[in-house]
Amino acid sequence: MNFLKYIVKLFSIIQKEIPVTHNKCHVCDGTGAYDIYTDCLTCNGKGLISKMEYNRMIEEGEI
C-alpha cells in the first residue's frame, strides 16, 4: 500500500510546497495545464506566479 501512495505522490502534478515568493496560479489552479493539450499561458506551465507579477495583475485588473 505504501508503494501505491509513493507512485501517486511521484506523479502528482500539483506542487505540494509553494515558495514564499510565489502564489498558486489562479487560471490553472497550480497544475500548469490550461487544457489537455496546452500549458497555462499565465504561468507558462509552472503552476506558480511570482508575488510581484500577481500584484501587478491585480492592479491592472487582469484578475
Protein backbone atom coordinates (compact mmCIF):
# COMPACT_ATOMS: atom_id res chain seq x y z
CA MET A 1 0.00 0.00 0.00
CA ASN A 2 2.85 2.40 0.73
CA PHE A 3 4.24 1.73 -2.73
CA LEU A 4 0.96 2.87 -4.30
CA LYS A 5 1.00 6.11 -2.28
CA TYR A 6 4.60 6.69 -3.34
CA ILE A 7 3.70 6.28 -7.03
CA VAL A 8 0.76 8.69 -6.71
CA LYS A 9 2.97 11.22 -4.93
CA LEU A 10 5.70 10.82 -7.55
CA PHE A 11 3.38 11.54 -10.47
CA SER A 12 1.34 14.26 -8.78
CA ILE A 13 1.06 17.36 -10.97
CA ILE A 14 0.43 19.96 -8.28
CA GLN A 15 3.40 21.11 -6.23
CA LYS A 16 2.92 20.45 -2.53
CA GLU A 17 5.01 23.33 -1.19
CA ILE A 18 4.60 26.82 -2.61
CA PRO A 19 7.65 29.06 -2.08
CA VAL A 20 7.19 32.20 -0.01
CA THR A 21 7.92 34.38 -3.04
CA HIS A 22 5.17 32.87 -5.23
CA ASN A 23 1.41 32.31 -5.37
CA LYS A 24 -0.53 29.47 -6.95
CA CYS A 25 -1.72 30.31 -10.45
CA HIS A 26 -5.39 31.35 -10.44
CA VAL A 27 -6.04 30.20 -14.01
CA CYS A 28 -4.82 26.60 -13.87
CA ASP A 29 -5.17 26.21 -10.08
CA GLY A 30 -1.50 25.28 -9.75
CA THR A 31 -1.44 22.39 -12.22
CA GLY A 32 0.32 24.20 -15.05
CA ALA A 33 -2.09 22.83 -17.65
CA TYR A 34 -4.71 25.02 -19.34
CA ASP A 35 -6.35 22.05 -21.01
CA ILE A 36 -5.29 18.59 -22.14
CA TYR A 37 -3.04 19.76 -24.95
CA THR A 38 -1.71 23.17 -23.88
CA ASP A 39 0.15 24.59 -20.92
CA CYS A 40 -1.24 27.50 -18.97
CA LEU A 41 -0.16 30.74 -20.67
CA THR A 42 -0.46 32.79 -17.48
CA CYS A 43 2.20 30.87 -15.55
CA ASN A 44 3.96 29.27 -18.56
CA GLY A 45 3.08 25.79 -17.34
CA LYS A 46 4.82 26.19 -13.96
CA GLY A 47 1.71 26.44 -11.80
CA LEU A 48 3.19 29.34 -9.84
CA ILE A 49 3.21 33.12 -10.31
CA SER A 50 5.65 35.44 -8.54
CA LYS A 51 4.02 37.72 -6.00
CA MET A 52 5.22 40.81 -7.91
CA GLU A 53 3.55 39.57 -11.10
CA TYR A 54 0.42 38.58 -9.17
CA ASN A 55 0.13 42.04 -7.57
CA ARG A 56 0.68 43.70 -10.97
CA MET A 57 -2.17 41.64 -12.44
CA ILE A 58 -4.49 42.69 -9.62
CA GLU A 59 -3.61 46.38 -10.04
CA GLU A 60 -4.19 46.27 -13.79
CA GLY A 61 -7.50 44.44 -13.36
CA GLU A 62 -6.46 41.26 -15.18
CA ILE A 63 -7.65 39.13 -12.29
